[in-house]
Protein backbone atom coordinates (compact mmCIF):
# COMPACT_ATOMS: atom_id res chain seq x y z
CA MET A 1 49.12 32.25 8.03
CA THR A 2 48.22 32.72 4.58
CA SER A 3 50.17 29.70 3.39
CA LEU A 4 47.92 27.30 5.82
CA ILE A 5 44.51 28.70 4.71
CA LEU A 6 46.27 27.82 0.80
CA GLU A 7 47.17 24.35 1.76
CA ALA A 8 43.56 23.74 3.14
CA GLU A 9 42.12 25.20 -0.28
CA ILE A 10 44.35 22.83 -2.16
CA LEU A 11 43.34 19.75 0.12
CA CYS A 12 39.60 20.94 -0.34
CA GLU A 13 40.10 20.95 -4.07
CA LYS A 14 41.66 17.36 -4.17
CA VAL A 15 38.91 15.95 -2.31
CA GLY A 16 36.18 17.71 -3.93
CA THR A 17 34.95 20.10 -1.43
CA ARG A 18 35.56 23.67 -0.56
CA LEU A 19 36.78 25.95 2.49
CA THR A 20 33.56 27.42 3.45
CA ASP A 21 33.50 30.71 5.49
CA PRO A 22 33.03 29.19 8.82
CA ARG A 23 35.71 26.41 7.70
CA ARG A 24 38.18 29.53 6.86
CA ARG A 25 37.24 31.47 9.91
CA VAL A 26 38.18 28.34 12.48
CA LEU A 27 41.33 27.65 10.59
CA THR A 28 42.46 31.56 10.68
CA LEU A 29 41.61 31.62 14.68
CA LEU A 30 43.78 28.55 15.09
CA ALA A 31 46.38 29.78 13.01
CA ALA A 32 46.64 32.84 14.59
CA ALA A 33 46.60 31.38 17.86
CA LYS A 34 49.78 31.03 20.25
CA LYS A 35 48.58 27.92 21.36
CA PRO A 36 46.07 25.11 21.29
CA LEU A 37 42.49 26.41 21.47
CA LYS A 38 39.35 24.64 22.58
CA ALA A 39 36.14 24.69 20.88
CA TYR A 40 34.23 26.80 23.30
CA ASP A 41 37.52 29.14 22.80
CA LEU A 42 37.03 29.19 18.99
CA ILE A 43 33.31 29.91 19.60
CA ALA A 44 34.22 32.87 21.95
CA LYS A 45 36.67 34.58 19.41
CA ALA A 46 34.52 33.88 16.59
CA GLY A 47 31.80 35.72 18.07
CA ALA A 48 33.91 38.36 19.23
CA ASP A 49 33.05 40.92 16.23
CA GLY A 50 29.38 40.58 16.68
CA GLY A 51 28.73 37.52 14.53
CA ALA A 52 27.35 34.91 16.73
CA VAL A 53 28.65 31.17 16.06
CA LYS A 54 26.75 28.13 17.07
CA PRO A 55 28.91 25.19 18.85
CA PRO A 56 27.74 22.94 15.95
CA THR A 57 29.41 25.19 13.31
CA VAL A 58 32.57 25.42 14.94
CA TYR A 59 32.60 21.47 15.60
CA ARG A 60 31.71 20.66 12.01
CA ALA A 61 34.58 23.18 11.12
CA LEU A 62 37.00 21.14 13.30
CA ASP A 63 35.95 17.91 12.20
CA PHE A 64 35.84 18.94 8.59
CA LEU A 65 39.80 20.12 8.95
CA CYS A 66 40.77 17.18 11.03
CA GLN A 67 39.84 15.13 8.08
CA ILE A 68 41.96 17.18 5.52
CA GLY A 69 44.77 17.04 7.62
CA VAL A 70 45.09 20.58 8.31
CA VAL A 71 45.06 20.39 12.08
CA HIS A 72 44.73 17.80 14.60
CA ARG A 73 42.88 17.18 17.81
CA ILE A 74 45.19 17.17 20.90
CA LYS A 75 43.71 14.47 23.77
């Protein structure tokens, strides 16, 4: 899991952006999952520790992670 975060950080540097906390959190949840997760599964898991996470935050993080090629969308 740590190598995936490191890979994402390196890719972010290459494109001139950064792996923000929400992006990192979504990526960490995806990496820890044993199966593909839907956006609303991520919203529920991200908010499980008491920190509310709004759907647009998760969708933006997912879009960004797809754009840099760290995750992909299953249709």
